[in-house]
Amino acid sequence: MSFKKALLSKYLGLFLVLGMPFMAHAADASADAAAVAEAAVPKESMFQAGKAYIAKVSDRLADTVTGKSEELINRAMEVIGVRYRWDTELPQSGLDGSSFVGYVFKDKLGFLLPRKSTQMSRVGKPISREELQPGDLVFFNTMRLTFSHVGIYVGDNKFIHSPSKGTSVRVDDLGSLYWDKRFDGARRLDGSDNLDDSERQELLNEVKNLKRKSRSL
């Protein structure tokens, strides 16, 4: 591997470790990273450049999700009827609450979210119920645990999710008695997060696994 490619690879790793959702289609990321590689800067300077780049991309991330919210919702709707199955990641075998959300965002937008709903609740910025827009994540306390369930807001006070064992992906009303009393908050993806180092590393490891799988195809 050339020095330029190696440095570019390290730069992408830095971008992910700092907690940004993985964007598989960010074309200008390669251009900016290549510019850093050309300069052959030391690690300390590269770290600062990485932080500056993340700050720049963060400003655009929320707009990207909002701008493609219709595509995101349409993709989520295509999964309606897929049965609930715990700890699986593909519609063919079933999806649980968090894997449904993770699958839709990864499949449609190329964003890699943490696996657990509690971890997802620390990605992006918190928003009020009144601020909800299609594509925002909505969280619920369904197991006497905060943020134990997650869905995707679709508009008109509705959200789509994979509820529980014995059910399938469906649309529900936030105003219904069951979901209203269990509503735990909402988040909008904006490039920020409150993940700890181990959770960021877990996300980075998942990216590495995906890369290995793609090379073996």
Protein backbone atom coordinates (compact mmCIF):
# COMPACT_ATOMS: atom_id res chain seq x y z
CA MET A 1 0.00 0.00 0.00
CA SER A 2 1.36 3.44 -0.90
CA PHE A 3 2.12 6.00 1.80
CA LYS A 4 -0.68 8.21 0.48
CA LYS A 5 -3.25 5.41 0.71
CA ALA A 6 -2.05 4.40 4.15
CA LEU A 7 -2.41 7.95 5.45
CA LEU A 8 -5.82 8.26 3.87
CA SER A 9 -6.88 5.05 5.61
CA LYS A 10 -5.66 6.38 8.98
CA TYR A 11 -7.53 9.62 8.39
CA LEU A 12 -10.79 7.76 7.75
CA GLY A 13 -10.20 5.73 10.94
CA LEU A 14 -9.74 8.94 12.92
CA PHE A 15 -12.95 10.31 11.45
CA LEU A 16 -14.87 7.27 12.74
CA VAL A 17 -13.19 6.95 16.15
CA LEU A 18 -14.17 10.51 16.96
CA GLY A 19 -17.77 9.37 16.78
CA MET A 20 -19.19 10.45 13.41
CA PRO A 21 -21.73 8.06 11.87
CA PHE A 22 -20.08 6.31 8.94
CA MET A 23 -21.03 7.91 5.59
CA ALA A 24 -20.35 5.46 2.80
CA HIS A 25 -21.14 7.95 0.04
CA ALA A 26 -19.32 11.09 1.22
CA ALA A 27 -17.40 11.87 -1.98
CA ASP A 28 -15.83 15.07 -0.74
CA ALA A 29 -14.43 13.18 2.26
CA SER A 30 -11.93 11.52 -0.06
CA ALA A 31 -10.93 14.86 -1.59
CA ASP A 32 -10.34 16.48 1.79
CA ALA A 33 -8.51 13.43 3.12
CA ALA A 34 -6.33 13.29 0.02
CA ALA A 35 -5.32 16.89 0.57
CA VAL A 36 -4.14 15.98 4.07
CA ALA A 37 -2.25 12.99 2.70
CA GLU A 38 -0.49 15.19 0.14
CA ALA A 39 0.79 17.41 2.90
CA ALA A 40 2.26 14.39 4.75
CA VAL A 41 1.62 16.10 8.08
CA PRO A 42 2.68 14.57 11.42
CA LYS A 43 0.15 12.70 13.56
CA GLU A 44 -0.53 15.66 15.84
CA SER A 45 -1.37 17.94 12.93
CA MET A 46 -3.43 15.23 11.27
CA PHE A 47 -5.47 14.86 14.47
CA GLN A 48 -6.26 18.58 14.44
CA ALA A 49 -7.14 18.41 10.76
CA GLY A 50 -9.46 15.50 11.50
CA LYS A 51 -11.28 17.49 14.19
CA ALA A 52 -11.64 20.45 11.83
CA TYR A 53 -12.98 18.20 9.07
CA ILE A 54 -15.54 16.61 11.40
CA ALA A 55 -16.74 20.04 12.47
CA LYS A 56 -17.23 20.99 8.82
CA VAL A 57 -19.09 17.81 7.89
CA SER A 58 -21.25 17.97 11.03
CA ASP A 59 -22.89 21.12 9.71
CA ARG A 60 -24.07 19.22 6.65
CA LEU A 61 -25.07 15.91 8.19
CA ALA A 62 -28.46 16.98 9.57
CA ASP A 63 -29.33 18.57 6.23
CA THR A 64 -28.36 15.34 4.47
CA VAL A 65 -30.73 13.27 6.60
CA THR A 66 -33.50 15.84 6.33
CA GLY A 67 -33.02 16.19 2.57
CA LYS A 68 -33.30 12.44 2.07
CA SER A 69 -35.96 11.82 4.69
CA GLU A 70 -38.55 10.88 2.08
CA GLU A 71 -36.24 8.21 0.64
CA LEU A 72 -35.44 7.03 4.16
CA ILE A 73 -39.11 6.71 5.11
CA ASN A 74 -39.95 4.98 1.83
CA ARG A 75 -37.22 2.41 2.50
CA ALA A 76 -38.50 1.89 6.03
CA MET A 77 -42.04 1.39 4.71
CA GLU A 78 -40.78 -1.32 2.36
CA VAL A 79 -39.82 -3.35 5.42
CA ILE A 80 -43.34 -3.26 6.92
CA GLY A 81 -44.46 -6.79 7.72
CA VAL A 82 -40.98 -8.17 8.43
CA ARG A 83 -41.25 -10.16 11.64
CA TYR A 84 -39.57 -9.20 14.88
CA ARG A 85 -36.55 -11.29 15.71
CA TRP A 86 -34.04 -10.40 18.39
CA ASP A 87 -30.37 -9.81 17.55
CA THR A 88 -30.57 -10.11 13.77
CA GLU A 89 -29.59 -7.51 11.19
CA LEU A 90 -31.24 -8.44 7.87
CA PRO A 91 -34.94 -8.39 6.87
CA GLN A 92 -34.64 -11.91 5.48
CA SER A 93 -34.17 -13.29 8.97
CA GLY A 94 -36.18 -10.69 10.90
CA LEU A 95 -35.35 -7.44 12.70
CA ASP A 96 -35.59 -6.27 16.29
CA GLY A 97 -36.20 -2.63 17.27
CA SER A 98 -32.67 -1.27 16.99
CA SER A 99 -31.55 -3.50 14.12
CA PHE A 100 -34.52 -2.27 12.06
CA VAL A 101 -33.42 1.36 12.53
CA GLY A 102 -29.78 0.49 11.91
CA TYR A 103 -30.64 -1.44 8.75
CA VAL A 104 -32.70 1.38 7.22
CA PHE A 105 -30.08 4.07 7.87
CA LYS A 106 -27.20 1.90 6.64
CA ASP A 107 -29.05 0.60 3.59
CA LYS A 108 -30.50 3.93 2.45
CA LEU A 109 -28.02 6.57 3.60
CA GLY A 110 -24.85 4.63 4.34
CA PHE A 111 -24.89 5.77 8.00
CA LEU A 112 -23.62 3.22 10.47
CA LEU A 113 -25.38 3.57 13.83
CA PRO A 114 -24.46 1.80 17.09
CA ARG A 115 -26.16 -1.56 17.55
CA LYS A 116 -28.08 -0.86 20.77
CA SER A 117 -30.95 1.60 21.23
CA THR A 118 -29.33 2.95 24.41
CA GLN A 119 -26.23 3.79 22.39
CA MET A 120 -28.30 5.31 19.58
CA SER A 121 -29.85 7.62 22.17
CA ARG A 122 -26.45 9.31 22.52
CA VAL A 123 -25.93 9.96 18.80
CA GLY A 124 -26.96 13.31 17.35
CA LYS A 125 -28.66 16.09 19.30
CA PRO A 126 -31.71 15.83 21.56
CA ILE A 127 -34.88 17.49 20.28
CA SER A 128 -38.30 18.06 21.77
CA ARG A 129 -41.43 16.26 20.68
CA GLU A 130 -42.67 19.48 19.08
CA GLU A 131 -39.52 19.67 16.91
CA LEU A 132 -39.88 16.20 15.39
CA GLN A 133 -39.29 15.86 11.65
CA PRO A 134 -39.40 12.75 9.43
CA GLY A 135 -36.17 10.81 9.84
CA ASP A 136 -35.65 11.68 13.52
CA LEU A 137 -35.16 8.85 16.01
CA VAL A 138 -37.78 8.40 18.74
CA PHE A 139 -37.10 6.45 21.94
CA PHE A 140 -39.27 4.64 24.48
CA ASN A 141 -39.05 2.94 27.85
CA THR A 142 -40.61 -0.46 27.13
CA MET A 143 -38.67 -2.67 29.56
CA ARG A 144 -38.50 -0.41 32.61
CA LEU A 145 -35.23 0.79 31.12
CA THR A 146 -34.72 4.22 29.56
CA PHE A 147 -34.17 4.23 25.78
CA SER A 148 -34.85 0.49 25.56
CA HIS A 149 -36.73 0.83 22.26
CA VAL A 150 -36.26 3.01 19.16
CA GLY A 151 -38.19 3.87 16.01
CA ILE A 152 -38.10 6.34 13.11
CA TYR A 153 -40.49 9.28 13.05
CA VAL A 154 -42.41 9.45 9.75
CA GLY A 155 -44.55 12.56 10.28
CA ASP A 156 -48.16 13.23 11.30
CA ASN A 157 -47.35 12.06 14.85
CA LYS A 158 -46.57 8.55 13.55
CA PHE A 159 -43.44 6.41 13.77
CA ILE A 160 -42.32 3.13 12.23
CA HIS A 161 -40.62 0.41 14.27
CA SER A 162 -40.27 -3.27 15.04
CA PRO A 163 -42.16 -3.53 18.36
CA SER A 164 -41.66 -6.88 20.05
CA LYS A 165 -41.64 -10.67 19.81
CA GLY A 166 -44.66 -11.99 17.95
CA THR A 167 -45.16 -8.76 15.97
CA SER A 168 -43.70 -7.28 12.78
CA VAL A 169 -42.50 -3.90 11.51
CA ARG A 170 -45.43 -1.46 11.54
CA VAL A 171 -46.48 2.16 11.94
CA ASP A 172 -47.86 3.35 15.29
CA ASP A 173 -49.19 6.62 16.70
CA LEU A 174 -47.11 8.53 19.23
CA GLY A 175 -50.35 9.77 20.77
CA SER A 176 -51.68 6.32 21.61
CA LEU A 177 -51.93 5.60 25.32
CA TYR A 178 -49.21 2.92 25.33
CA TRP A 179 -46.55 4.84 23.40
CA ASP A 180 -47.37 8.27 24.78
CA LYS A 181 -46.72 7.24 28.39
CA ARG A 182 -43.48 5.46 27.42
CA PHE A 183 -42.02 8.19 25.19
CA ASP A 184 -38.42 8.81 26.29
CA GLY A 185 -37.22 11.53 23.91
CA ALA A 186 -35.94 12.03 20.37
CA ARG A 187 -32.65 12.64 18.58
CA ARG A 188 -31.69 14.21 15.26
CA LEU A 189 -28.52 13.05 13.54
CA ASP A 190 -26.24 16.07 13.29
CA GLY A 191 -22.78 14.52 13.47
CA SER A 192 -22.37 14.84 17.25
CA ASP A 193 -22.51 12.17 19.93
CA ASN A 194 -22.02 11.33 23.60
CA LEU A 195 -20.62 7.84 23.04
CA ASP A 196 -17.78 6.71 25.28
CA ASP A 197 -14.47 5.46 23.88
CA SER A 198 -15.45 1.78 24.01
CA GLU A 199 -18.68 2.45 22.10
CA ARG A 200 -16.81 4.43 19.45
CA GLN A 201 -14.32 1.59 19.14
CA GLU A 202 -17.20 -0.85 18.79
CA LEU A 203 -18.57 1.22 15.92
CA LEU A 204 -15.14 1.37 14.28
CA ASN A 205 -14.76 -2.40 14.60
CA GLU A 206 -18.09 -2.83 12.83
CA VAL A 207 -16.84 -0.64 9.98
CA LYS A 208 -13.70 -2.78 9.73
CA ASN A 209 -15.83 -5.94 9.62
CA LEU A 210 -17.93 -4.50 6.81
CA LYS A 211 -14.78 -3.66 4.85
CA ARG A 212 -13.47 -7.22 5.27
CA LYS A 213 -16.80 -8.66 4.13
CA SER A 214 -16.86 -6.41 1.04
CA ARG A 215 -13.33 -7.49 0.06
CA SER A 216 -14.30 -11.16 0.31
CA LEU A 217 -17.24 -10.77 -2.09
